[in-house]
Each structure stands twice: as structure tokens, then as C-alpha cells.
Amino acid sequence: MLAAGAAFSMDGRGRFLDNIFIERPWRSLKYEAVYLHELRDGLDAERIIGSWFDFYNEVRPHSSLGGRTPGDAYRNGAGAV
């Protein structure tokens, strides 16, 4: 690995904070949408996943945003909790 010019991560193994902001939405997507529907093709996947992200960003309140949606926080400023 080192001979190929690759470097080890400096954060250390198992640092959950590095990926938590990405991992959590994907986990929610899988359990709340993907596993509950039969995705027969790409069109099904696009429709179901797209509607879930619309719900996640515009309808579902987030406790970390003071009960606001991510869309609202984005449009009106994340600091205005």
C-alpha cells in the first residue's frame, strides 16, 4: 500500500464522527423506504428514493435543527434555531 503512494487515514480506525452525517441518512433511507418496497427497476428506485428524500428534507422535523426541516434550515439559515 505504501509503495503505491497511498497514505493511512490520520483520523484513526472507527472514528464515528467522521461519517455520522452521511451514514445516518443512508441508514434511515434503507429502513424507511428501500427495505419496505420492491424495487423492480431503476424507475421504481428513482421514484421511491426521490420521494423519501423530499419527505426527509421538507416534511420530517429534525431534533438537531430544533424541530425544523433541513429545507427550512437551509432556506432560513441553520443558526436561527
N, C-alpha and C. Protein backbone atom coordinates (compact mmCIF):
# COMPACT_ATOMS: atom_id res chain seq x y z
N MET A 1 0.82 -1.19 0.00
CA MET A 1 0.00 0.00 0.00
C MET A 1 0.87 1.26 0.00
N LEU A 2 1.84 1.31 0.88
CA LEU A 2 2.70 2.49 0.93
C LEU A 2 3.56 2.62 -0.32
N ALA A 3 3.93 1.49 -0.91
CA ALA A 3 4.73 1.52 -2.12
C ALA A 3 3.96 2.15 -3.28
N ALA A 4 2.63 2.07 -3.25
CA ALA A 4 1.80 2.65 -4.30
C ALA A 4 1.54 4.13 -4.06
N GLY A 5 2.06 4.67 -2.96
CA GLY A 5 1.88 6.10 -2.68
C GLY A 5 0.63 6.42 -1.87
N ALA A 6 -0.05 5.39 -1.36
CA ALA A 6 -1.25 5.63 -0.55
C ALA A 6 -0.84 5.92 0.89
N ALA A 7 -1.66 6.70 1.56
CA ALA A 7 -1.38 7.05 2.96
C ALA A 7 -2.50 6.53 3.85
N PHE A 8 -2.16 6.25 5.07
CA PHE A 8 -3.15 5.82 6.05
C PHE A 8 -3.98 7.02 6.49
N SER A 9 -5.22 6.76 6.87
CA SER A 9 -6.07 7.82 7.40
C SER A 9 -5.49 8.32 8.71
N MET A 10 -5.53 9.62 8.91
CA MET A 10 -4.97 10.21 10.13
C MET A 10 -6.00 10.26 11.26
N ASP A 11 -7.24 9.94 10.98
CA ASP A 11 -8.29 10.05 11.98
C ASP A 11 -8.34 8.86 12.92
N GLY A 12 -7.80 7.76 12.54
CA GLY A 12 -7.86 6.56 13.37
C GLY A 12 -9.03 5.68 13.01
N ARG A 13 -8.89 4.44 13.29
CA ARG A 13 -9.90 3.45 12.94
C ARG A 13 -11.15 3.63 13.80
N GLY A 14 -12.31 3.56 13.16
CA GLY A 14 -13.56 3.59 13.90
C GLY A 14 -14.03 4.95 14.36
N ARG A 15 -13.52 6.01 13.80
CA ARG A 15 -13.97 7.35 14.21
C ARG A 15 -15.36 7.59 13.66
N PHE A 16 -16.37 7.44 14.52
CA PHE A 16 -17.75 7.54 14.08
C PHE A 16 -18.12 8.96 13.68
N LEU A 17 -17.47 9.95 14.23
CA LEU A 17 -17.86 11.33 13.93
C LEU A 17 -17.53 11.73 12.50
N ASP A 18 -16.59 11.06 11.88
CA ASP A 18 -16.20 11.40 10.52
C ASP A 18 -17.34 11.21 9.53
N ASN A 19 -18.08 10.14 9.69
CA ASN A 19 -19.09 9.79 8.69
C ASN A 19 -20.52 9.85 9.20
N ILE A 20 -20.74 10.27 10.42
CA ILE A 20 -22.07 10.19 11.00
C ILE A 20 -23.10 11.02 10.22
N PHE A 21 -22.68 12.12 9.66
CA PHE A 21 -23.62 12.98 8.94
C PHE A 21 -24.03 12.39 7.59
N ILE A 22 -23.26 11.46 7.09
CA ILE A 22 -23.60 10.76 5.86
C ILE A 22 -24.26 9.42 6.16
N GLU A 23 -23.74 8.70 7.14
CA GLU A 23 -24.23 7.36 7.44
C GLU A 23 -25.67 7.36 7.94
N ARG A 24 -26.05 8.32 8.76
CA ARG A 24 -27.38 8.32 9.36
C ARG A 24 -28.50 8.46 8.32
N PRO A 25 -28.42 9.42 7.39
CA PRO A 25 -29.48 9.49 6.38
C PRO A 25 -29.57 8.23 5.52
N TRP A 26 -28.44 7.61 5.17
CA TRP A 26 -28.48 6.40 4.36
C TRP A 26 -29.11 5.25 5.12
N ARG A 27 -28.84 5.15 6.42
CA ARG A 27 -29.47 4.11 7.24
C ARG A 27 -30.98 4.33 7.28
N SER A 28 -31.38 5.57 7.51
CA SER A 28 -32.81 5.88 7.54
C SER A 28 -33.47 5.57 6.20
N LEU A 29 -32.82 5.94 5.12
CA LEU A 29 -33.36 5.66 3.78
C LEU A 29 -33.58 4.16 3.59
N LYS A 30 -32.60 3.36 3.95
CA LYS A 30 -32.74 1.92 3.77
C LYS A 30 -33.90 1.35 4.57
N TYR A 31 -33.98 1.72 5.85
CA TYR A 31 -35.00 1.13 6.72
C TYR A 31 -36.39 1.71 6.50
N GLU A 32 -36.49 2.96 6.08
CA GLU A 32 -37.80 3.60 5.93
C GLU A 32 -38.35 3.56 4.51
N ALA A 33 -37.53 3.22 3.53
CA ALA A 33 -38.01 3.23 2.15
C ALA A 33 -37.57 2.00 1.36
N VAL A 34 -36.29 1.80 1.23
CA VAL A 34 -35.77 0.76 0.33
C VAL A 34 -36.20 -0.63 0.78
N TYR A 35 -36.06 -0.95 2.06
CA TYR A 35 -36.40 -2.30 2.53
C TYR A 35 -37.91 -2.54 2.56
N LEU A 36 -38.71 -1.49 2.50
CA LEU A 36 -40.16 -1.63 2.57
C LEU A 36 -40.83 -1.76 1.21
N HIS A 37 -40.07 -1.54 0.14
CA HIS A 37 -40.63 -1.58 -1.21
C HIS A 37 -39.85 -2.55 -2.08
N GLU A 38 -40.53 -3.10 -3.05
CA GLU A 38 -39.87 -3.94 -4.04
C GLU A 38 -39.40 -3.04 -5.18
N LEU A 39 -38.11 -2.85 -5.28
CA LEU A 39 -37.54 -2.00 -6.33
C LEU A 39 -37.25 -2.88 -7.54
N ARG A 40 -38.17 -2.90 -8.50
CA ARG A 40 -38.04 -3.78 -9.65
C ARG A 40 -37.08 -3.27 -10.70
N ASP A 41 -36.94 -1.95 -10.77
CA ASP A 41 -36.04 -1.38 -11.77
C ASP A 41 -35.60 0.01 -11.30
N GLY A 42 -34.81 0.64 -12.14
CA GLY A 42 -34.28 1.97 -11.80
C GLY A 42 -35.36 3.03 -11.65
N LEU A 43 -36.44 2.89 -12.41
CA LEU A 43 -37.52 3.87 -12.31
C LEU A 43 -38.22 3.78 -10.95
N ASP A 44 -38.45 2.55 -10.47
CA ASP A 44 -39.01 2.37 -9.13
C ASP A 44 -38.08 2.97 -8.08
N ALA A 45 -36.81 2.67 -8.20
CA ALA A 45 -35.84 3.18 -7.23
C ALA A 45 -35.81 4.70 -7.24
N GLU A 46 -35.80 5.29 -8.42
CA GLU A 46 -35.76 6.76 -8.52
C GLU A 46 -37.00 7.38 -7.89
N ARG A 47 -38.15 6.80 -8.14
CA ARG A 47 -39.40 7.33 -7.60
C ARG A 47 -39.46 7.21 -6.08
N ILE A 48 -39.16 6.03 -5.56
CA ILE A 48 -39.26 5.79 -4.12
C ILE A 48 -38.18 6.55 -3.35
N ILE A 49 -36.96 6.49 -3.81
CA ILE A 49 -35.87 7.18 -3.12
C ILE A 49 -36.04 8.69 -3.23
N GLY A 50 -36.44 9.17 -4.40
CA GLY A 50 -36.68 10.60 -4.57
C GLY A 50 -37.77 11.13 -3.67
N SER A 51 -38.86 10.37 -3.55
CA SER A 51 -39.95 10.83 -2.69
C SER A 51 -39.53 10.77 -1.22
N TRP A 52 -38.71 9.79 -0.86
CA TRP A 52 -38.23 9.73 0.53
C TRP A 52 -37.34 10.93 0.83
N PHE A 53 -36.43 11.30 -0.07
CA PHE A 53 -35.57 12.46 0.18
C PHE A 53 -36.38 13.76 0.23
N ASP A 54 -37.43 13.87 -0.58
CA ASP A 54 -38.32 15.03 -0.48
C ASP A 54 -38.95 15.08 0.91
N PHE A 55 -39.45 13.94 1.39
CA PHE A 55 -40.02 13.85 2.73
C PHE A 55 -38.98 14.21 3.79
N TYR A 56 -37.79 13.63 3.69
CA TYR A 56 -36.72 13.84 4.66
C TYR A 56 -36.31 15.31 4.74
N ASN A 57 -36.25 15.98 3.61
CA ASN A 57 -35.78 17.36 3.58
C ASN A 57 -36.87 18.40 3.81
N GLU A 58 -38.11 18.09 3.47
CA GLU A 58 -39.15 19.11 3.51
C GLU A 58 -40.28 18.86 4.52
N VAL A 59 -40.44 17.64 5.01
CA VAL A 59 -41.57 17.32 5.89
C VAL A 59 -41.10 16.88 7.28
N ARG A 60 -40.13 16.00 7.31
CA ARG A 60 -39.69 15.38 8.56
C ARG A 60 -38.90 16.36 9.42
N PRO A 61 -39.39 16.64 10.64
CA PRO A 61 -38.63 17.54 11.52
C PRO A 61 -37.40 16.83 12.09
N HIS A 62 -36.35 17.58 12.30
CA HIS A 62 -35.10 17.04 12.82
C HIS A 62 -34.80 17.68 14.17
N SER A 63 -34.56 16.85 15.18
CA SER A 63 -34.31 17.37 16.52
C SER A 63 -33.04 18.22 16.56
N SER A 64 -32.04 17.87 15.76
CA SER A 64 -30.80 18.64 15.75
C SER A 64 -30.98 20.02 15.15
N LEU A 65 -32.10 20.25 14.48
CA LEU A 65 -32.40 21.55 13.88
C LEU A 65 -33.52 22.26 14.63
N GLY A 66 -33.75 21.85 15.86
CA GLY A 66 -34.78 22.48 16.67
C GLY A 66 -36.19 22.19 16.18
N GLY A 67 -36.40 21.02 15.60
CA GLY A 67 -37.72 20.65 15.10
C GLY A 67 -38.03 21.17 13.71
N ARG A 68 -37.07 21.81 13.08
CA ARG A 68 -37.26 22.29 11.71
C ARG A 68 -36.81 21.23 10.72
N THR A 69 -37.20 21.42 9.48
CA THR A 69 -36.75 20.51 8.42
C THR A 69 -35.42 21.01 7.87
N PRO A 70 -34.63 20.12 7.24
CA PRO A 70 -33.39 20.59 6.62
C PRO A 70 -33.63 21.65 5.55
N GLY A 71 -34.72 21.52 4.80
CA GLY A 71 -35.03 22.53 3.78
C GLY A 71 -35.27 23.89 4.39
N ASP A 72 -36.00 23.93 5.50
CA ASP A 72 -36.26 25.19 6.19
C ASP A 72 -34.96 25.77 6.74
N ALA A 73 -34.13 24.92 7.35
CA ALA A 73 -32.86 25.38 7.89
C ALA A 73 -31.96 25.93 6.79
N TYR A 74 -31.98 25.30 5.64
CA TYR A 74 -31.16 25.76 4.52
C TYR A 74 -31.65 27.11 4.01
N ARG A 75 -32.96 27.22 3.82
CA ARG A 75 -33.51 28.46 3.29
C ARG A 75 -33.43 29.62 4.27
N ASN A 76 -33.59 29.35 5.55
CA ASN A 76 -33.69 30.41 6.55
C ASN A 76 -32.49 30.50 7.48
N GLY A 77 -31.46 29.78 7.19
CA GLY A 77 -30.25 29.83 8.00
C GLY A 77 -30.25 28.80 9.10
N ALA A 78 -29.19 28.03 9.15
CA ALA A 78 -29.10 26.95 10.13
C ALA A 78 -28.92 27.48 11.54
N GLY A 79 -28.43 28.69 11.70
CA GLY A 79 -28.18 29.23 13.03
C GLY A 79 -29.41 29.81 13.69
N ALA A 80 -30.52 29.91 13.00
CA ALA A 80 -31.72 30.54 13.54
C ALA A 80 -32.64 29.54 14.20
N VAL A 81 -32.10 28.75 15.16
CA VAL A 81 -32.91 27.74 15.85
C VAL A 81 -33.68 28.37 16.98
